[in-house]
C-alpha cells in the first residue's frame, strides 16, 4: 500500500516540494564532485546531463502531444526562445560559474531569481514595486554580499571568484527571464508539455554547443563522471522538475516557492558535509537574509 494514499492534498504537496528542493539543491554538489574526480569541462558535463535526461523528456513530450493540437508558429517561437533561456542559457552559465565559487554561494545567488522576476516585471511589464518587494530586494542582495565576503576569505584568486559570481548571477537572470515569459505558453500548452518541449530545445542547443567547441573525445570520461551526470539527470533534473510541478498543483505556487527556500540551506549543508566547504557565521546570516527576501516576495 502506498503510505501517502490517505494523505491530504496539502501534505502530499508539501512532501513533493521538499523532495524537489532536495533534488535541486544536490545539483551543485554533483557538479563539484565531477570536477574533483576528472578534468571535465562545463560544456561536456552539461552535455552528459542533458543526454541522460533526454529519454524522459522525449517520452513526456510524445505522450502529452499525442492527443493535443499541433503547435502554432507562435508556440514554436515561445518554446524555442524560452527553452534557450531557461534550460540552456541558465544551465551553461551555472556550470561555468561552479568552476570558480562554492556550491553554497552558487545556490544563494541562483535564489535571487524570484526578486529578479519582480524587477523584470517592473522594468518591462509595467508592474509597480511595493514596499515589501523593495525590502525583499534589499534583504536578498545583502545576504548575497555577506556570502561573498565568506567565500572571498578562502578563495585564492579574486578575479576568478568575481567571474564565477557574475556567471551564476547571469544564470539566475536567464532563468528569471524564462519564468517571466513562460506563463502564456504554459497556459496554452500545459505545464508538462511545455516543460518537456523546452527541455528538448535546450538539449539540442547544448549538443550543438558541445559539437562546436569540444572534440568528441571529450566524452571519454572516467566512470564516476558518467555516474554524476546520470545522477544530475535523474535526481536533480527530471524528478524535481515534475515533483515541483505536482507540488504547485497541490499547494499553489507561493507555498511551493516558500518551501523551495530550503534549497540554499540544503546545498550549504551538503557542501560542508560532502565537499568539505568551510561554513561561517557570515554565510549562515547571508543565507537567512536571502531566504527572508524570497519569502517576502512569494507570500500573498
Protein backbone atom coordinates (compact mmCIF):
# COMPACT_ATOMS: atom_id res chain seq x y z
CA UNK A 1 0.00 0.00 0.00
CA UNK A 2 1.31 3.49 -0.86
CA UNK A 3 1.87 5.12 2.51
CA UNK A 4 0.64 8.57 1.37
CA UNK A 5 -2.61 7.19 -0.11
CA UNK A 6 -4.67 8.68 2.70
CA UNK A 7 -2.73 11.93 2.95
CA UNK A 8 -4.39 15.26 2.22
CA UNK A 9 -3.50 17.25 -0.91
CA UNK A 10 -1.68 19.72 1.34
CA UNK A 11 0.53 17.02 2.88
CA UNK A 12 1.36 15.44 -0.48
CA UNK A 13 2.17 18.86 -1.94
CA UNK A 14 4.46 19.78 0.96
CA UNK A 15 6.32 16.45 0.70
CA UNK A 16 6.77 16.84 -3.07
CA UNK A 17 8.02 20.42 -2.66
CA UNK A 18 10.57 19.31 -0.04
CA UNK A 19 11.79 16.44 -2.25
CA UNK A 20 12.06 18.81 -5.24
CA UNK A 21 14.10 21.27 -3.15
CA UNK A 22 16.37 18.41 -2.08
CA UNK A 23 16.90 17.29 -5.69
CA UNK A 24 17.60 20.79 -6.99
CA UNK A 25 19.97 21.54 -4.10
CA UNK A 26 22.12 18.48 -4.87
CA UNK A 27 22.80 19.55 -8.47
CA UNK A 28 25.70 21.81 -7.49
CA UNK A 29 27.12 19.02 -5.30
CA UNK A 30 27.13 16.57 -8.25
CA UNK A 31 28.81 19.17 -10.47
CA UNK A 32 31.51 19.88 -7.90
CA UNK A 33 32.13 16.17 -7.34
CA UNK A 34 32.54 15.64 -11.10
CA UNK A 35 35.05 18.50 -11.26
CA UNK A 36 37.04 16.83 -8.45
CA UNK A 37 37.31 13.36 -9.99
CA UNK A 38 38.30 14.47 -13.53
CA UNK A 39 39.34 17.45 -15.61
CA UNK A 40 35.94 17.55 -17.30
CA UNK A 41 34.83 20.91 -18.70
CA UNK A 42 31.44 22.53 -18.04
CA UNK A 43 30.10 22.03 -21.59
CA UNK A 44 30.89 18.30 -21.63
CA UNK A 45 29.38 17.78 -18.17
CA UNK A 46 26.21 19.64 -19.13
CA UNK A 47 26.05 17.63 -22.36
CA UNK A 48 26.11 14.39 -20.37
CA UNK A 49 23.41 15.65 -18.02
CA UNK A 50 21.10 16.56 -20.92
CA UNK A 51 21.72 13.31 -22.80
CA UNK A 52 20.84 11.26 -19.72
CA UNK A 53 17.69 13.40 -19.25
CA UNK A 54 16.64 13.07 -22.90
CA UNK A 55 14.65 9.77 -22.78
CA UNK A 56 12.36 11.05 -20.03
CA UNK A 57 11.57 14.31 -21.78
CA UNK A 58 11.11 12.59 -25.16
CA UNK A 59 8.57 10.24 -23.60
CA UNK A 60 6.74 13.06 -21.78
CA UNK A 61 6.78 15.28 -24.86
CA UNK A 62 5.37 12.45 -27.01
CA UNK A 63 2.62 11.40 -24.60
CA UNK A 64 1.46 14.96 -23.88
CA UNK A 65 1.49 15.96 -27.57
CA UNK A 66 -0.17 12.85 -28.98
CA UNK A 67 -3.77 13.97 -28.39
CA UNK A 68 -3.05 17.71 -28.28
CA UNK A 69 -3.47 20.19 -31.12
CA UNK A 70 -0.31 20.87 -33.17
CA UNK A 71 1.90 23.75 -32.17
CA UNK A 72 1.38 27.05 -33.96
CA UNK A 73 4.25 29.19 -35.22
CA UNK A 74 3.84 31.32 -32.11
CA UNK A 75 4.07 28.25 -29.87
CA UNK A 76 7.27 27.07 -31.57
CA UNK A 77 8.79 30.52 -31.17
CA UNK A 78 7.90 30.63 -27.45
CA UNK A 79 9.18 27.12 -26.75
CA UNK A 80 12.43 27.76 -28.62
CA UNK A 81 13.24 31.14 -27.05
CA UNK A 82 12.21 30.13 -23.53
CA UNK A 83 13.96 26.76 -23.78
CA UNK A 84 17.18 28.52 -24.76
CA UNK A 85 16.82 30.96 -21.86
CA UNK A 86 15.62 28.67 -19.09
CA UNK A 87 17.42 25.38 -19.61
CA UNK A 88 20.32 26.11 -21.96
CA UNK A 89 21.44 29.63 -21.04
CA UNK A 90 20.81 29.30 -17.32
CA UNK A 91 22.44 25.86 -17.15
CA UNK A 92 25.60 26.62 -19.09
CA UNK A 93 26.25 29.81 -17.11
CA UNK A 94 25.64 27.94 -13.86
CA UNK A 95 28.01 25.08 -14.72
CA UNK A 96 30.72 27.54 -15.78
CA UNK A 97 30.30 29.56 -12.60
CA UNK A 98 30.61 26.50 -10.38
CA UNK A 99 34.22 26.15 -11.53
CA UNK A 100 35.08 29.27 -9.51
CA UNK A 101 32.76 29.53 -6.48
CA UNK A 102 31.43 27.27 -3.75
CA UNK A 103 28.26 25.23 -4.13
CA UNK A 104 26.66 27.11 -1.23
CA UNK A 105 27.26 30.56 -2.73
CA UNK A 106 26.08 29.31 -6.14
CA UNK A 107 22.74 28.23 -4.70
CA UNK A 108 22.28 31.53 -2.84
CA UNK A 109 22.95 33.57 -5.99
CA UNK A 110 20.61 31.39 -8.03
CA UNK A 111 17.90 32.01 -5.47
CA UNK A 112 17.76 35.67 -6.46
CA UNK A 113 15.56 34.62 -9.40
CA UNK A 114 12.25 35.49 -7.63
CA UNK A 115 13.46 39.03 -6.93
CA UNK A 116 14.86 39.34 -10.47
CA UNK A 117 11.47 38.20 -11.82
CA UNK A 118 9.87 41.03 -9.83
CA UNK A 119 12.38 43.54 -11.26
CA UNK A 120 11.73 42.33 -14.82
CA UNK A 121 8.01 42.87 -14.24
CA UNK A 122 8.70 46.43 -13.05
CA UNK A 123 11.12 47.33 -15.85
CA UNK A 124 9.41 45.69 -18.83
CA UNK A 125 5.86 44.64 -17.93
CA UNK A 126 4.54 47.81 -16.31
CA UNK A 127 4.34 46.50 -12.76
CA UNK A 128 4.87 48.70 -9.72
CA UNK A 129 7.25 47.87 -6.87
CA UNK A 130 5.69 47.63 -3.41
CA UNK A 131 7.49 48.45 -0.18
CA UNK A 132 7.50 44.78 0.74
CA UNK A 133 9.18 43.89 -2.56
CA UNK A 134 11.76 46.66 -2.11
CA UNK A 135 12.52 45.25 1.34
CA UNK A 136 12.82 41.76 -0.16
CA UNK A 137 15.32 43.01 -2.74
CA UNK A 138 17.40 44.68 -0.02
CA UNK A 139 17.39 41.51 2.13
CA UNK A 140 18.33 39.20 -0.75
CA UNK A 141 21.24 41.25 -2.03
CA UNK A 142 22.55 41.99 1.47
CA UNK A 143 22.59 38.22 2.00
CA UNK A 144 24.48 37.64 -1.24
CA UNK A 145 27.04 40.29 -0.21
CA UNK A 146 27.62 38.57 3.14
CA UNK A 147 28.00 35.17 1.47
CA UNK A 148 30.50 36.68 -1.00
CA UNK A 149 32.55 38.02 1.92
CA UNK A 150 32.64 34.49 3.33
CA UNK A 151 33.86 32.98 0.05
CA UNK A 152 36.46 35.71 -0.50
CA UNK A 153 38.13 34.71 2.77
CA UNK A 154 39.19 31.33 1.40
CA UNK A 155 39.30 31.75 -2.40
CA UNK A 156 42.75 32.19 -3.92
CA UNK A 157 42.03 34.31 -7.00
CA UNK A 158 39.71 37.31 -6.66
CA UNK A 159 39.26 37.75 -10.42
CA UNK A 160 38.18 34.12 -10.94
CA UNK A 161 35.85 34.39 -7.96
CA UNK A 162 34.19 37.52 -9.35
CA UNK A 163 33.86 35.81 -12.74
CA UNK A 164 32.10 32.88 -11.06
CA UNK A 165 29.71 35.22 -9.22
CA UNK A 166 28.92 37.06 -12.48
CA UNK A 167 28.29 33.82 -14.39
CA UNK A 168 25.92 32.40 -11.76
CA UNK A 169 24.10 35.73 -11.45
CA UNK A 170 23.71 35.64 -15.24
CA UNK A 171 22.24 32.15 -14.85
CA UNK A 172 19.72 33.44 -12.32
CA UNK A 173 18.80 36.34 -14.63
CA UNK A 174 18.34 33.95 -17.57
CA UNK A 175 16.01 31.76 -15.51
CA UNK A 176 14.06 34.82 -14.30
CA UNK A 177 13.54 35.88 -17.93
CA UNK A 178 12.32 32.35 -18.69
CA UNK A 179 9.82 32.50 -15.81
CA UNK A 180 8.61 35.95 -16.80
CA UNK A 181 7.84 34.81 -20.34
CA UNK A 182 6.57 31.29 -19.76
CA UNK A 183 3.14 31.91 -18.20
CA UNK A 184 1.33 32.35 -21.52
CA UNK A 185 3.00 29.33 -23.14
CA UNK A 186 2.21 27.13 -20.12
CA UNK A 187 -1.43 28.24 -20.23
CA UNK A 188 -1.70 27.34 -23.94
CA UNK A 189 0.29 24.09 -23.93
CA UNK A 190 0.05 22.78 -20.37
CA UNK A 191 2.91 22.63 -17.87
CA UNK A 192 4.17 19.10 -18.64
CA UNK A 193 4.09 19.50 -22.43
CA UNK A 194 5.73 22.93 -22.34
CA UNK A 195 8.46 21.80 -19.91
CA UNK A 196 9.27 18.69 -21.96
CA UNK A 197 9.43 20.62 -25.25
CA UNK A 198 11.56 23.39 -23.72
CA UNK A 199 13.95 20.76 -22.35
CA UNK A 200 14.21 19.14 -25.79
CA UNK A 201 15.11 22.51 -27.34
CA UNK A 202 17.69 23.03 -24.60
CA UNK A 203 19.15 19.55 -25.13
CA UNK A 204 19.60 20.23 -28.84
CA UNK A 205 21.26 23.59 -28.10
CA UNK A 206 23.65 22.01 -25.58
CA UNK A 207 24.69 19.30 -28.03
CA UNK A 208 25.27 21.86 -30.81
CA UNK A 209 27.37 23.91 -28.38
CA UNK A 210 29.35 20.80 -27.46
CA UNK A 211 29.99 19.79 -31.09
CA UNK A 212 31.11 23.33 -31.98
CA UNK A 213 33.52 23.75 -29.06
CA UNK A 214 34.71 20.29 -27.95
CA UNK A 215 36.18 17.22 -29.67
CA UNK A 216 34.14 14.03 -29.48
CA UNK A 217 36.97 12.52 -27.42
CA UNK A 218 35.89 14.83 -24.59
CA UNK A 219 33.01 12.41 -23.97
CA UNK A 220 35.53 9.75 -22.89
CA UNK A 221 35.47 10.33 -19.15
CA UNK A 222 36.07 8.21 -16.05
CA UNK A 223 33.10 6.18 -14.86
CA UNK A 224 32.38 8.50 -11.87
CA UNK A 225 31.78 11.41 -14.25
CA UNK A 226 29.09 9.40 -16.08
CA UNK A 227 27.61 8.44 -12.71
CA UNK A 228 27.42 12.07 -11.58
CA UNK A 229 25.95 13.08 -14.95
CA UNK A 230 23.25 10.42 -14.66
CA UNK A 231 22.56 11.40 -11.04
CA UNK A 232 22.14 15.03 -12.09
CA UNK A 233 19.79 13.98 -14.88
CA UNK A 234 17.58 11.76 -12.72
CA UNK A 235 17.70 13.23 -9.21
CA UNK A 236 18.41 16.91 -9.96
CA UNK A 237 16.57 17.44 -13.26
CA UNK A 238 13.77 15.06 -14.27
CA UNK A 239 12.35 14.09 -10.86
CA UNK A 240 12.46 17.52 -9.15
CA UNK A 241 11.06 19.32 -12.23
CA UNK A 242 7.91 17.22 -12.18
CA UNK A 243 7.71 16.91 -8.38
CA UNK A 244 7.74 20.70 -8.23
CA UNK A 245 5.01 20.91 -10.89
CA UNK A 246 2.85 18.49 -8.89
CA UNK A 247 3.58 20.39 -5.68
CA UNK A 248 2.34 23.59 -7.34
CA UNK A 249 -0.81 21.74 -8.40
CA UNK A 250 -1.47 20.58 -4.81
CA UNK A 251 -0.48 23.63 -2.74
CA UNK A 252 -0.10 26.52 -5.19
CA UNK A 253 2.99 28.36 -6.48
CA UNK A 254 3.51 30.65 -3.47
CA UNK A 255 3.79 27.81 -0.95
CA UNK A 256 5.90 25.74 -3.34
CA UNK A 257 8.39 28.60 -3.73
CA UNK A 258 8.48 29.18 0.02
CA UNK A 259 9.27 25.53 0.70
CA UNK A 260 11.87 25.74 -2.07
CA UNK A 261 13.80 28.23 0.10
CA UNK A 262 15.10 25.13 1.88
CA UNK A 263 17.34 24.71 -1.19
CA UNK A 264 20.18 27.08 -0.24
CA UNK A 265 20.31 25.70 3.30
CA UNK A 266 20.46 22.13 1.99
CA UNK A 267 23.19 22.98 -0.53
CA UNK A 268 25.29 24.76 2.11
CA UNK A 269 24.84 21.81 4.48
CA UNK A 270 25.77 19.20 1.85
CA UNK A 271 28.64 21.36 0.63
CA UNK A 272 30.00 21.35 4.18
CA UNK A 273 29.40 17.59 4.70
CA UNK A 274 30.29 16.19 1.27
CA UNK A 275 32.69 18.72 -0.26
CA UNK A 276 34.30 19.94 2.97
CA UNK A 277 33.47 23.54 2.09
CA UNK A 278 34.00 25.90 5.04
CA UNK A 279 30.99 27.23 6.93
CA UNK A 280 30.97 30.61 8.66
CA UNK A 281 28.55 32.86 10.53
CA UNK A 282 28.57 35.32 7.60
CA UNK A 283 27.38 32.59 5.24
CA UNK A 284 24.62 31.44 7.61
CA UNK A 285 23.39 35.03 8.11
CA UNK A 286 23.58 35.64 4.34
CA UNK A 287 21.54 32.50 3.71
CA UNK A 288 18.90 33.65 6.21
CA UNK A 289 18.66 37.07 4.54
CA UNK A 290 18.27 35.60 1.04
CA UNK A 291 15.61 33.16 2.22
CA UNK A 292 13.79 36.00 4.01
CA UNK A 293 13.81 38.05 0.82
CA UNK A 294 12.37 35.18 -1.21
CA UNK A 295 9.71 34.65 1.45
CA UNK A 296 8.72 38.32 1.31
CA UNK A 297 8.38 38.23 -2.49
CA UNK A 298 6.49 34.91 -2.57
CA UNK A 299 3.91 35.34 0.16
CA UNK A 300 0.48 36.70 -0.65
